[in-house]
């Protein structure tokens, strides 16, 4: 399954990109997203961030479900 991934703020700066397309194996079942991205990009381990799938915060991904996008978001403040 090809999934667009968007990176924002300090995460985009750290990785040197704002987006990419990742292919997940649809037979792998549940996937720990934080572990997946930190294995892929070890520099993320030093950052604080949230992960959203289809605009909802989550930590795990069912690779068999319909996914329109994944976003990695740095901390933000309202005002």
Protein backbone atom coordinates (compact mmCIF):
# COMPACT_ATOMS: atom_id res chain seq x y z
CA UNK A 1 0.00 0.00 0.00
CA UNK A 2 1.50 3.36 -1.08
CA UNK A 3 0.86 6.02 1.55
CA UNK A 4 1.74 9.72 1.42
CA UNK A 5 3.60 10.89 4.53
CA UNK A 6 3.91 14.58 5.44
CA UNK A 7 6.54 16.05 7.77
CA UNK A 8 6.06 19.41 9.48
CA UNK A 9 8.20 21.99 11.32
CA UNK A 10 11.34 20.75 13.03
CA UNK A 11 10.72 17.23 11.77
CA UNK A 12 10.82 18.39 8.14
CA UNK A 13 13.98 20.37 8.89
CA UNK A 14 15.64 17.39 10.58
CA UNK A 15 14.79 15.02 7.73
CA UNK A 16 15.41 17.54 4.94
CA UNK A 17 12.03 16.91 3.32
CA UNK A 18 8.39 17.78 3.77
CA UNK A 19 6.85 14.65 2.30
CA UNK A 20 7.40 11.25 0.73
CA UNK A 21 5.46 8.16 -0.26
CA UNK A 22 6.07 5.00 1.77
CA UNK A 23 4.95 1.53 0.75
CA UNK A 24 3.68 -0.52 3.69
CA UNK A 25 3.30 -4.28 3.47
CA UNK A 26 -0.46 -4.82 3.76
CA UNK A 27 -0.01 -8.30 5.22
CA UNK A 28 2.01 -7.15 8.25
CA UNK A 29 -1.10 -6.32 10.35
CA UNK A 30 -0.59 -3.82 13.17
CA UNK A 31 2.44 -1.55 13.00
CA UNK A 32 3.90 0.65 15.77
CA UNK A 33 4.29 3.90 13.83
CA UNK A 34 6.70 5.63 16.19
CA UNK A 35 9.01 2.62 16.17
CA UNK A 36 8.72 2.35 12.38
CA UNK A 37 9.69 5.98 11.77
CA UNK A 38 12.45 5.98 14.40
CA UNK A 39 13.97 2.85 12.86
CA UNK A 40 13.76 4.50 9.43
CA UNK A 41 15.07 7.88 10.67
CA UNK A 42 17.07 7.45 13.93
CA UNK A 43 17.37 11.24 14.37
CA UNK A 44 13.64 11.30 15.25
CA UNK A 45 14.44 9.62 18.57
CA UNK A 46 15.67 12.95 19.96
CA UNK A 47 12.51 14.84 18.93
CA UNK A 48 9.05 15.08 20.46
CA UNK A 49 6.26 14.59 17.95
CA UNK A 50 2.78 13.20 17.35
CA UNK A 51 1.63 10.98 14.51
CA UNK A 52 -1.70 11.40 12.77
CA UNK A 53 -3.31 8.92 10.39
CA UNK A 54 -6.15 10.34 8.30
CA UNK A 55 -6.00 13.48 10.50
CA UNK A 56 -6.48 11.57 13.77
CA UNK A 57 -3.72 11.10 16.32
CA UNK A 58 -2.69 7.48 16.77
CA UNK A 59 0.31 5.35 17.64
CA UNK A 60 -0.44 2.15 15.75
CA UNK A 61 -1.50 1.44 12.20
CA UNK A 62 -3.55 -1.44 10.87
CA UNK A 63 -1.89 -1.98 7.48
CA UNK A 64 -5.09 -3.58 6.20
CA UNK A 65 -7.11 -0.37 6.72
CA UNK A 66 -7.74 2.49 4.29
CA UNK A 67 -5.09 5.17 4.77
CA UNK A 68 -5.14 8.47 2.91
CA UNK A 69 -2.16 10.09 4.67
CA UNK A 70 0.17 9.98 7.65
CA UNK A 71 1.54 13.16 9.23
CA UNK A 72 4.37 13.65 11.72
CA UNK A 73 3.72 16.80 13.74
CA UNK A 74 6.03 18.63 16.15
CA UNK A 75 4.67 20.11 19.41
CA UNK A 76 2.52 23.16 18.84
CA UNK A 77 0.98 25.81 21.05
CA UNK A 78 -2.34 27.55 20.74
CA UNK A 79 -3.00 31.10 21.56
